[in-house]
């Protein structure tokens, strides 16, 4: 099953899976945080925004989240990525 979000990019690079996605925030003073769980050949990634606790201009922001999962063995992997408001589910081949 494949669920695509045009905002979330999931690519294989060598023995790694690289995931990038914009994350909308209430202001630009946030950083991206990722939680990765690997269960066999299933990879689950939750990308969220965490506040930097700085003084900040109050305007709508967008930050870029990036997760690199390295040293995977050859084969097919199911990848499920969630961000606030978007999701993508796909399979990807590591060669």
PDB file of N, CA and C in Angstrom:
ATOM      1  N   UNK A   1       0.850  -1.177   0.000  1.00  0.00           N
ATOM      2  CA  UNK A   1       0.000   0.000   0.000  1.00  0.00           C
ATOM      3  C   UNK A   1       0.888   1.229   0.000  1.00  0.00           C
ATOM      4  N   UNK A   2       0.538   2.201  -0.796  1.00  0.00           N
ATOM      5  CA  UNK A   2       1.343   3.410  -0.860  1.00  0.00           C
ATOM      6  C   UNK A   2       0.459   4.630  -0.645  1.00  0.00           C
ATOM      7  N   UNK A   3       0.869   5.463   0.277  1.00  0.00           N
ATOM      8  CA  UNK A   3       0.214   6.735   0.525  1.00  0.00           C
ATOM      9  C   UNK A   3       1.267   7.793   0.282  1.00  0.00           C
ATOM     10  N   UNK A   4       1.014   8.663  -0.648  1.00  0.00           N
ATOM     11  CA  UNK A   4       2.028   9.643  -1.017  1.00  0.00           C
ATOM     12  C   UNK A   4       1.650  11.032  -0.523  1.00  0.00           C
ATOM     13  N   UNK A   5       2.630  11.733  -0.047  1.00  0.00           N
ATOM     14  CA  UNK A   5       2.502  13.148   0.256  1.00  0.00           C
ATOM     15  C   UNK A   5       3.559  13.847  -0.580  1.00  0.00           C
ATOM     16  N   UNK A   6       3.169  14.815  -1.399  1.00  0.00           N
ATOM     17  CA  UNK A   6       4.171  15.485  -2.235  1.00  0.00           C
ATOM     18  C   UNK A   6       5.214  16.240  -1.407  1.00  0.00           C
ATOM     19  N   UNK A   7       4.914  16.478  -0.132  1.00  0.00           N
ATOM     20  CA  UNK A   7       5.853  17.219   0.707  1.00  0.00           C
ATOM     21  C   UNK A   7       6.930  16.330   1.312  1.00  0.00           C
ATOM     22  N   UNK A   8       6.642  15.054   1.517  1.00  0.00           N
ATOM     23  CA  UNK A   8       7.595  14.150   2.155  1.00  0.00           C
ATOM     24  C   UNK A   8       8.382  13.416   1.070  1.00  0.00           C
ATOM     25  N   UNK A   9       9.711  13.501   1.151  1.00  0.00           N
ATOM     26  CA  UNK A   9      10.574  12.805   0.202  1.00  0.00           C
ATOM     27  C   UNK A   9      11.271  11.651   0.921  1.00  0.00           C
ATOM     28  N   UNK A  10      11.184  10.468   0.327  1.00  0.00           N
ATOM     29  CA  UNK A  10      11.809   9.263   0.868  1.00  0.00           C
ATOM     30  C   UNK A  10      12.657   8.667  -0.243  1.00  0.00           C
ATOM     31  N   UNK A  11      13.986   8.610  -0.058  1.00  0.00           N
ATOM     32  CA  UNK A  11      14.873   8.090  -1.090  1.00  0.00           C
ATOM     33  C   UNK A  11      15.905   7.143  -0.481  1.00  0.00           C
ATOM     34  N   UNK A  12      16.353   6.196  -1.301  1.00  0.00           N
ATOM     35  CA  UNK A  12      17.445   5.306  -0.912  1.00  0.00           C
ATOM     36  C   UNK A  12      18.741   5.923  -1.422  1.00  0.00           C
ATOM     37  N   UNK A  13      19.749   5.975  -0.550  1.00  0.00           N
ATOM     38  CA  UNK A  13      21.085   6.437  -0.926  1.00  0.00           C
ATOM     39  C   UNK A  13      22.083   5.432  -0.378  1.00  0.00           C
ATOM     40  N   UNK A  14      22.563   4.544  -1.239  1.00  0.00           N
ATOM     41  CA  UNK A  14      23.467   3.494  -0.779  1.00  0.00           C
ATOM     42  C   UNK A  14      22.746   2.572   0.191  1.00  0.00           C
ATOM     43  N   UNK A  15      23.302   2.426   1.415  1.00  0.00           N
ATOM     44  CA  UNK A  15      22.689   1.575   2.435  1.00  0.00           C
ATOM     45  C   UNK A  15      21.854   2.388   3.414  1.00  0.00           C
ATOM     46  N   UNK A  16      21.398   3.559   2.972  1.00  0.00           N
ATOM     47  CA  UNK A  16      20.633   4.451   3.844  1.00  0.00           C
ATOM     48  C   UNK A  16      19.297   4.823   3.220  1.00  0.00           C
ATOM     49  N   UNK A  17      18.350   5.169   4.087  1.00  0.00           N
ATOM     50  CA  UNK A  17      17.101   5.799   3.673  1.00  0.00           C
ATOM     51  C   UNK A  17      17.162   7.236   4.179  1.00  0.00           C
ATOM     52  N   UNK A  18      16.905   8.195   3.277  1.00  0.00           N
ATOM     53  CA  UNK A  18      16.926   9.610   3.629  1.00  0.00           C
ATOM     54  C   UNK A  18      15.509  10.147   3.483  1.00  0.00           C
ATOM     55  N   UNK A  19      15.007  10.751   4.568  1.00  0.00           N
ATOM     56  CA  UNK A  19      13.642  11.289   4.598  1.00  0.00           C
ATOM     57  C   UNK A  19      13.736  12.778   4.875  1.00  0.00           C
ATOM     58  N   UNK A  20      13.107  13.587   4.036  1.00  0.00           N
ATOM     59  CA  UNK A  20      13.040  15.034   4.269  1.00  0.00           C
ATOM     60  C   UNK A  20      11.602  15.490   4.131  1.00  0.00           C
ATOM     61  N   UNK A  21      11.235  16.469   4.965  1.00  0.00           N
ATOM     62  CA  UNK A  21       9.871  16.988   4.936  1.00  0.00           C
ATOM     63  C   UNK A  21       9.822  18.355   5.591  1.00  0.00           C
ATOM     64  N   UNK A  22       9.041  19.270   5.032  1.00  0.00           N
ATOM     65  CA  UNK A  22       8.792  20.515   5.757  1.00  0.00           C
ATOM     66  C   UNK A  22       7.824  20.256   6.905  1.00  0.00           C
ATOM     67  N   UNK A  23       7.969  21.018   7.971  1.00  0.00           N
ATOM     68  CA  UNK A  23       7.072  20.919   9.122  1.00  0.00           C
ATOM     69  C   UNK A  23       6.583  22.319   9.445  1.00  0.00           C
ATOM     70  N   UNK A  24       5.277  22.532   9.398  1.00  0.00           N
ATOM     71  CA  UNK A  24       4.723  23.846   9.697  1.00  0.00           C
ATOM     72  C   UNK A  24       4.723  24.092  11.199  1.00  0.00           C
ATOM     73  N   UNK A  25       5.072  25.322  11.579  1.00  0.00           N
ATOM     74  CA  UNK A  25       5.175  25.689  12.995  1.00  0.00           C
ATOM     75  C   UNK A  25       4.499  27.036  13.221  1.00  0.00           C
ATOM     76  N   UNK A  26       4.141  27.353  14.474  1.00  0.00           N
ATOM     77  CA  UNK A  26       3.494  28.637  14.747  1.00  0.00           C
ATOM     78  C   UNK A  26       4.434  29.823  14.576  1.00  0.00           C
ATOM     79  N   UNK A  27       5.754  29.569  14.633  1.00  0.00           N
ATOM     80  CA  UNK A  27       6.757  30.602  14.352  1.00  0.00           C
ATOM     81  C   UNK A  27       8.041  29.888  13.941  1.00  0.00           C
ATOM     82  N   UNK A  28       9.036  30.606  13.425  1.00  0.00           N
ATOM     83  CA  UNK A  28      10.230  29.931  12.916  1.00  0.00           C
ATOM     84  C   UNK A  28      11.220  29.455  13.987  1.00  0.00           C
ATOM     85  N   UNK A  29      10.933  29.656  15.263  1.00  0.00           N
ATOM     86  CA  UNK A  29      11.875  29.303  16.336  1.00  0.00           C
ATOM     87  C   UNK A  29      11.650  27.884  16.855  1.00  0.00           C
ATOM     88  N   UNK A  30      11.639  26.931  15.944  1.00  0.00           N
ATOM     89  CA  UNK A  30      11.483  25.517  16.268  1.00  0.00           C
ATOM     90  C   UNK A  30      12.595  24.733  15.589  1.00  0.00           C
ATOM     91  N   UNK A  31      12.883  23.563  16.108  1.00  0.00           N
ATOM     92  CA  UNK A  31      13.802  22.610  15.487  1.00  0.00           C
ATOM     93  C   UNK A  31      13.041  21.318  15.221  1.00  0.00           C
ATOM     94  N   UNK A  32      13.532  20.563  14.259  1.00  0.00           N
ATOM     95  CA  UNK A  32      12.911  19.285  13.938  1.00  0.00           C
ATOM     96  C   UNK A  32      13.465  18.201  14.855  1.00  0.00           C
ATOM     97  N   UNK A  33      12.594  17.281  15.252  1.00  0.00           N
ATOM     98  CA  UNK A  33      12.993  16.113  16.044  1.00  0.00           C
ATOM     99  C   UNK A  33      12.353  14.886  15.411  1.00  0.00           C
ATOM    100  N   UNK A  34      13.106  13.801  15.373  1.00  0.00           N
ATOM    101  CA  UNK A  34      12.582  12.582  14.774  1.00  0.00           C
ATOM    102  C   UNK A  34      12.662  11.407  15.717  1.00  0.00           C
ATOM    103  N   UNK A  35      11.649  10.569  15.666  1.00  0.00           N
ATOM    104  CA  UNK A  35      11.620   9.326  16.422  1.00  0.00           C
ATOM    105  C   UNK A  35      11.563   8.197  15.401  1.00  0.00           C
ATOM    106  N   UNK A  36      12.556   7.322  15.413  1.00  0.00           N
ATOM    107  CA  UNK A  36      12.649   6.239  14.438  1.00  0.00           C
ATOM    108  C   UNK A  36      12.522   4.901  15.155  1.00  0.00           C
ATOM    109  N   UNK A  37      11.657   4.044  14.630  1.00  0.00           N
ATOM    110  CA  UNK A  37      11.509   2.682  15.149  1.00  0.00           C
ATOM    111  C   UNK A  37      11.651   1.727  13.966  1.00  0.00           C
ATOM    112  N   UNK A  38      12.537   0.748  14.122  1.00  0.00           N
ATOM    113  CA  UNK A  38      12.733  -0.258  13.084  1.00  0.00           C
ATOM    114  C   UNK A  38      12.339  -1.603  13.660  1.00  0.00           C
ATOM    115  N   UNK A  39      11.402  -2.267  12.965  1.00  0.00           N
ATOM    116  CA  UNK A  39      10.933  -3.589  13.376  1.00  0.00           C
ATOM    117  C   UNK A  39      11.093  -4.504  12.167  1.00  0.00           C
ATOM    118  N   UNK A  40      12.186  -5.246  12.129  1.00  0.00           N
ATOM    119  CA  UNK A  40      12.462  -6.084  10.967  1.00  0.00           C
ATOM    120  C   UNK A  40      12.720  -5.217   9.753  1.00  0.00           C
ATOM    121  N   UNK A  41      11.847  -5.327   8.762  1.00  0.00           N
ATOM    122  CA  UNK A  41      11.986  -4.517   7.543  1.00  0.00           C
ATOM    123  C   UNK A  41      10.953  -3.396   7.476  1.00  0.00           C
ATOM    124  N   UNK A  42      10.351  -3.075   8.614  1.00  0.00           N
ATOM    125  CA  UNK A  42       9.403  -1.960   8.693  1.00  0.00           C
ATOM    126  C   UNK A  42      10.055  -0.809   9.452  1.00  0.00           C
ATOM    127  N   UNK A  43      10.044   0.357   8.836  1.00  0.00           N
ATOM    128  CA  UNK A  43      10.619   1.558   9.433  1.00  0.00           C
ATOM    129  C   UNK A  43       9.492   2.549   9.680  1.00  0.00           C
ATOM    130  N   UNK A  44       9.367   3.014  10.917  1.00  0.00           N
ATOM    131  CA  UNK A  44       8.353   4.003  11.286  1.00  0.00           C
ATOM    132  C   UNK A  44       9.066   5.258  11.771  1.00  0.00           C
ATOM    133  N   UNK A  45       8.723   6.399  11.184  1.00  0.00           N
ATOM    134  CA  UNK A  45       9.362   7.671  11.528  1.00  0.00           C
ATOM    135  C   UNK A  45       8.287   8.696  11.869  1.00  0.00           C
ATOM    136  N   UNK A  46       8.431   9.324  13.030  1.00  0.00           N
ATOM    137  CA  UNK A  46       7.583  10.452  13.414  1.00  0.00           C
ATOM    138  C   UNK A  46       8.459  11.691  13.474  1.00  0.00           C
ATOM    139  N   UNK A  47       8.166  12.671  12.624  1.00  0.00           N
ATOM    140  CA  UNK A  47       8.868  13.948  12.637  1.00  0.00           C
ATOM    141  C   UNK A  47       7.986  14.978  13.328  1.00  0.00           C
ATOM    142  N   UNK A  48       8.540  15.694  14.281  1.00  0.00           N
ATOM    143  CA  UNK A  48       7.797  16.725  14.995  1.00  0.00           C
ATOM    144  C   UNK A  48       8.656  17.971  15.121  1.00  0.00           C
ATOM    145  N   UNK A  49       8.038  19.044  15.565  1.00  0.00           N
ATOM    146  CA  UNK A  49       8.742  20.301  15.811  1.00  0.00           C
ATOM    147  C   UNK A  49       8.800  20.538  17.316  1.00  0.00           C
ATOM    148  N   UNK A  50       9.961  20.945  17.802  1.00  0.00           N
ATOM    149  CA  UNK A  50      10.120  21.261  19.227  1.00  0.00           C
ATOM    150  C   UNK A  50      10.584  22.709  19.348  1.00  0.00           C
ATOM    151  N   UNK A  51      10.020  23.463  20.296  1.00  0.00           N
ATOM    152  CA  UNK A  51      10.383  24.875  20.434  1.00  0.00           C
ATOM    153  C   UNK A  51      11.820  25.043  20.919  1.00  0.00           C
ATOM    154  N   UNK A  52      12.466  26.101  20.433  1.00  0.00           N
ATOM    155  CA  UNK A  52      13.842  26.414  20.834  1.00  0.00           C
ATOM    156  C   UNK A  52      13.895  27.198  22.135  1.00  0.00           C
ATOM    157  N   UNK A  53      12.774  27.670  22.645  1.00  0.00           N
ATOM    158  CA  UNK A  53      12.688  28.465  23.878  1.00  0.00           C
ATOM    159  C   UNK A  53      13.529  29.741  23.787  1.00  0.00           C
ATOM    160  N   UNK A  54      13.401  30.419  22.665  1.00  0.00           N
ATOM    161  CA  UNK A  54      14.067  31.702  22.450  1.00  0.00           C
ATOM    162  C   UNK A  54      12.993  32.766  22.246  1.00  0.00           C
ATOM    163  N   UNK A  55      13.387  34.012  22.354  1.00  0.00           N
ATOM    164  CA  UNK A  55      12.483  35.082  21.940  1.00  0.00           C
ATOM    165  C   UNK A  55      12.386  35.014  20.429  1.00  0.00           C
ATOM    166  N   UNK A  56      11.189  35.175  19.930  1.00  0.00           N
ATOM    167  CA  UNK A  56      10.995  34.927  18.513  1.00  0.00           C
ATOM    168  C   UNK A  56       9.926  35.854  17.953  1.00  0.00           C
ATOM    169  N   UNK A  57      10.096  36.215  16.705  1.00  0.00           N
ATOM    170  CA  UNK A  57       9.078  36.981  15.992  1.00  0.00           C
ATOM    171  C   UNK A  57       7.873  36.069  15.789  1.00  0.00           C
ATOM    172  N   UNK A  58       6.692  36.523  16.096  1.00  0.00           N
ATOM    173  CA  UNK A  58       5.490  35.704  15.960  1.00  0.00           C
ATOM    174  C   UNK A  58       4.944  35.799  14.546  1.00  0.00           C
ATOM    175  N   UNK A  59       5.263  34.799  13.772  1.00  0.00           N
ATOM    176  CA  UNK A  59       4.734  34.661  12.411  1.00  0.00           C
ATOM    177  C   UNK A  59       4.717  33.173  12.100  1.00  0.00           C
ATOM    178  N   UNK A  60       3.934  32.780  11.130  1.00  0.00           N
ATOM    179  CA  UNK A  60       3.870  31.374  10.744  1.00  0.00           C
ATOM    180  C   UNK A  60       5.240  30.963  10.217  1.00  0.00           C
ATOM    181  N   UNK A  61       5.702  29.804  10.631  1.00  0.00           N
ATOM    182  CA  UNK A  61       7.012  29.332  10.211  1.00  0.00           C
ATOM    183  C   UNK A  61       6.935  27.975   9.560  1.00  0.00           C
ATOM    184  N   UNK A  62       8.036  27.589   8.966  1.00  0.00           N
ATOM    185  CA  UNK A  62       8.175  26.255   8.410  1.00  0.00           C
ATOM    186  C   UNK A  62       9.634  25.872   8.559  1.00  0.00           C
ATOM    187  N   UNK A  63       9.868  24.690   9.114  1.00  0.00           N
ATOM    188  CA  UNK A  63      11.223  24.203   9.259  1.00  0.00           C
ATOM    189  C   UNK A  63      11.368  22.947   8.417  1.00  0.00           C
ATOM    190  N   UNK A  64      12.595  22.546   8.170  1.00  0.00           N
ATOM    191  CA  UNK A  64      12.836  21.350   7.390  1.00  0.00           C
ATOM    192  C   UNK A  64      13.299  20.233   8.312  1.00  0.00           C
ATOM    193  N   UNK A  65      12.629  19.105   8.230  1.00  0.00           N
ATOM    194  CA  UNK A  65      13.024  17.935   9.000  1.00  0.00           C
ATOM    195  C   UNK A  65      13.747  16.953   8.099  1.00  0.00           C
ATOM    196  N   UNK A  66      14.817  16.349   8.622  1.00  0.00           N
ATOM    197  CA  UNK A  66      15.571  15.362   7.849  1.00  0.00           C
ATOM    198  C   UNK A  66      15.991  14.228   8.767  1.00  0.00           C
ATOM    199  N   UNK A  67      15.754  13.004   8.320  1.00  0.00           N
ATOM    200  CA  UNK A  67      16.154  11.806   9.044  1.00  0.00           C
ATOM    201  C   UNK A  67      16.945  10.929   8.086  1.00  0.00           C
ATOM    202  N   UNK A  68      18.110  10.460   8.530  1.00  0.00           N
ATOM    203  CA  UNK A  68      18.921   9.533   7.739  1.00  0.00           C
ATOM    204  C   UNK A  68      19.057   8.246   8.547  1.00  0.00           C
ATOM    205  N   UNK A  69      18.596   7.146   7.978  1.00  0.00           N
ATOM    206  CA  UNK A  69      18.675   5.834   8.622  1.00  0.00           C
ATOM    207  C   UNK A  69      19.760   5.061   7.879  1.00  0.00           C
ATOM    208  N   UNK A  70      20.865   4.781   8.569  1.00  0.00           N
ATOM    209  CA  UNK A  70      22.055   4.233   7.918  1.00  0.00           C
ATOM    210  C   UNK A  70      22.251   2.751   8.201  1.00  0.00           C
ATOM    211  N   UNK A  71      23.174   2.183   7.424  1.00  0.00           N
ATOM    212  CA  UNK A  71      23.653   0.804   7.604  1.00  0.00           C
ATOM    213  C   UNK A  71      22.547  -0.238   7.517  1.00  0.00           C
ATOM    214  N   UNK A  72      21.633  -0.046   6.587  1.00  0.00           N
ATOM    215  CA  UNK A  72      20.579  -1.034   6.360  1.00  0.00           C
ATOM    216  C   UNK A  72      21.108  -2.148   5.457  1.00  0.00           C
ATOM    217  N   UNK A  73      20.603  -3.349   5.648  1.00  0.00           N
ATOM    218  CA  UNK A  73      21.007  -4.454   4.786  1.00  0.00           C
ATOM    219  C   UNK A  73      20.181  -4.429   3.506  1.00  0.00           C
ATOM    220  N   UNK A  74      20.703  -5.088   2.482  1.00  0.00           N
ATOM    221  CA  UNK A  74      20.063  -5.132   1.171  1.00  0.00           C
ATOM    222  C   UNK A  74      18.662  -5.734   1.282  1.00  0.00           C
ATOM    223  N   UNK A  75      17.719  -5.149   0.547  1.00  0.00           N
ATOM    224  CA  UNK A  75      16.364  -5.689   0.500  1.00  0.00           C
ATOM    225  C   UNK A  75      15.314  -4.595   0.494  1.00  0.00           C
ATOM    226  N   UNK A  76      14.051  -5.024   0.501  1.00  0.00           N
ATOM    227  CA  UNK A  76      12.913  -4.110   0.493  1.00  0.00           C
ATOM    228  C   UNK A  76      12.540  -3.737   1.921  1.00  0.00           C
ATOM    229  N   UNK A  77      12.184  -2.465   2.116  1.00  0.00           N
ATOM    230  CA  UNK A  77      11.745  -1.968   3.417  1.00  0.00           C
ATOM    231  C   UNK A  77      10.421  -1.233   3.255  1.00  0.00           C
ATOM    232  N   UNK A  78       9.527  -1.415   4.206  1.00  0.00           N
ATOM    233  CA  UNK A  78       8.323  -0.608   4.291  1.00  0.00           C
ATOM    234  C   UNK A  78       8.656   0.622   5.122  1.00  0.00           C
ATOM    235  N   UNK A  79       8.317   1.798   4.619  1.00  0.00           N
ATOM    236  CA  UNK A  79       8.632   3.045   5.318  1.00  0.00           C
ATOM    237  C   UNK A  79       7.339   3.818   5.554  1.00  0.00           C
ATOM    238  N   UNK A  80       7.090   4.160   6.813  1.00  0.00           N
ATOM    239  CA  UNK A  80       5.900   4.903   7.233  1.00  0.00           C
ATOM    240  C   UNK A  80       6.383   6.177   7.923  1.00  0.00           C
ATOM    241  N   UNK A  81       6.113   7.327   7.313  1.00  0.00           N
ATOM    242  CA  UNK A  81       6.566   8.613   7.848  1.00  0.00           C
ATOM    243  C   UNK A  81       5.357   9.454   8.215  1.00  0.00           C
ATOM    244  N   UNK A  82       5.376  10.010   9.424  1.00  0.00           N
ATOM    245  CA  UNK A  82       4.292  10.885   9.904  1.00  0.00           C
ATOM    246  C   UNK A  82       4.873  12.222  10.334  1.00  0.00           C
ATOM    247  N   UNK A  83       4.221  13.290   9.933  1.00  0.00           N
ATOM    248  CA  UNK A  83       4.522  14.637  10.421  1.00  0.00           C
ATOM    249  C   UNK A  83       3.184  15.265  10.801  1.00  0.00           C
ATOM    250  N   UNK A  84       3.202  16.352  11.546  1.00  0.00           N
ATOM    251  CA  UNK A  84       1.920  17.000  11.845  1.00  0.00           C
ATOM    252  C   UNK A  84       1.212  17.409  10.544  1.00  0.00           C
ATOM    253  N   UNK A  85       0.112  16.778  10.250  1.00  0.00           N
ATOM    254  CA  UNK A  85      -0.688  17.148   9.076  1.00  0.00           C
ATOM    255  C   UNK A  85      -0.384  16.389   7.805  1.00  0.00           C
ATOM    256  N   UNK A  86       0.687  15.579   7.747  1.00  0.00           N
ATOM    257  CA  UNK A  86       1.002  14.823   6.522  1.00  0.00           C
ATOM    258  C   UNK A  86       1.483  13.428   6.891  1.00  0.00           C
ATOM    259  N   UNK A  87       1.437  12.544   5.893  1.00  0.00           N
ATOM    260  CA  UNK A  87       1.930  11.187   6.089  1.00  0.00           C
ATOM    261  C   UNK A  87       2.319  10.617   4.741  1.00  0.00           C
ATOM    262  N   UNK A  88       3.235   9.650   4.777  1.00  0.00           N
ATOM    263  CA  UNK A  88       3.613   8.919   3.560  1.00  0.00           C
ATOM    264  C   UNK A  88       3.953   7.494   3.959  1.00  0.00           C
ATOM    265  N   UNK A  89       3.460   6.552   3.178  1.00  0.00           N
ATOM    266  CA  UNK A  89       3.764   5.140   3.369  1.00  0.00           C
ATOM    267  C   UNK A  89       4.207   4.591   2.023  1.00  0.00           C
ATOM    268  N   UNK A  90       5.366   3.935   2.001  1.00  0.00           N
ATOM    269  CA  UNK A  90       5.878   3.401   0.746  1.00  0.00           C
ATOM    270  C   UNK A  90       6.807   2.248   1.021  1.00  0.00           C
ATOM    271  N   UNK A  91       7.260   1.587  -0.034  1.00  0.00           N
ATOM    272  CA  UNK A  91       8.314   0.584   0.068  1.00  0.00           C
ATOM    273  C   UNK A  91       9.510   1.112  -0.698  1.00  0.00           C
ATOM    274  N   UNK A  92      10.693   0.745  -0.230  1.00  0.00           N
ATOM    275  CA  UNK A  92      11.910   1.240  -0.858  1.00  0.00           C
ATOM    276  C   UNK A  92      12.946   0.124  -0.849  1.00  0.00           C
ATOM    277  N   UNK A  93      13.763   0.065  -1.913  1.00  0.00           N
ATOM    278  CA  UNK A  93      14.777  -0.979  -2.066  1.00  0.00           C
ATOM    279  C   UNK A  93      16.156  -0.441  -1.694  1.00  0.00           C
ATOM    280  N   UNK A  94      16.831  -1.154  -0.795  1.00  0.00           N
ATOM    281  CA  UNK A  94      18.221  -0.860  -0.482  1.00  0.00           C
ATOM    282  C   UNK A  94      19.056  -1.893  -1.231  1.00  0.00           C
ATOM    283  N   UNK A  95      19.977  -1.403  -2.017  1.00  0.00           N
ATOM    284  CA  UNK A  95      20.805  -2.326  -2.837  1.00  0.00           C
ATOM    285  C   UNK A  95      22.166  -2.536  -2.236  1.00  0.00           C
TER     286      UNK A  95
END
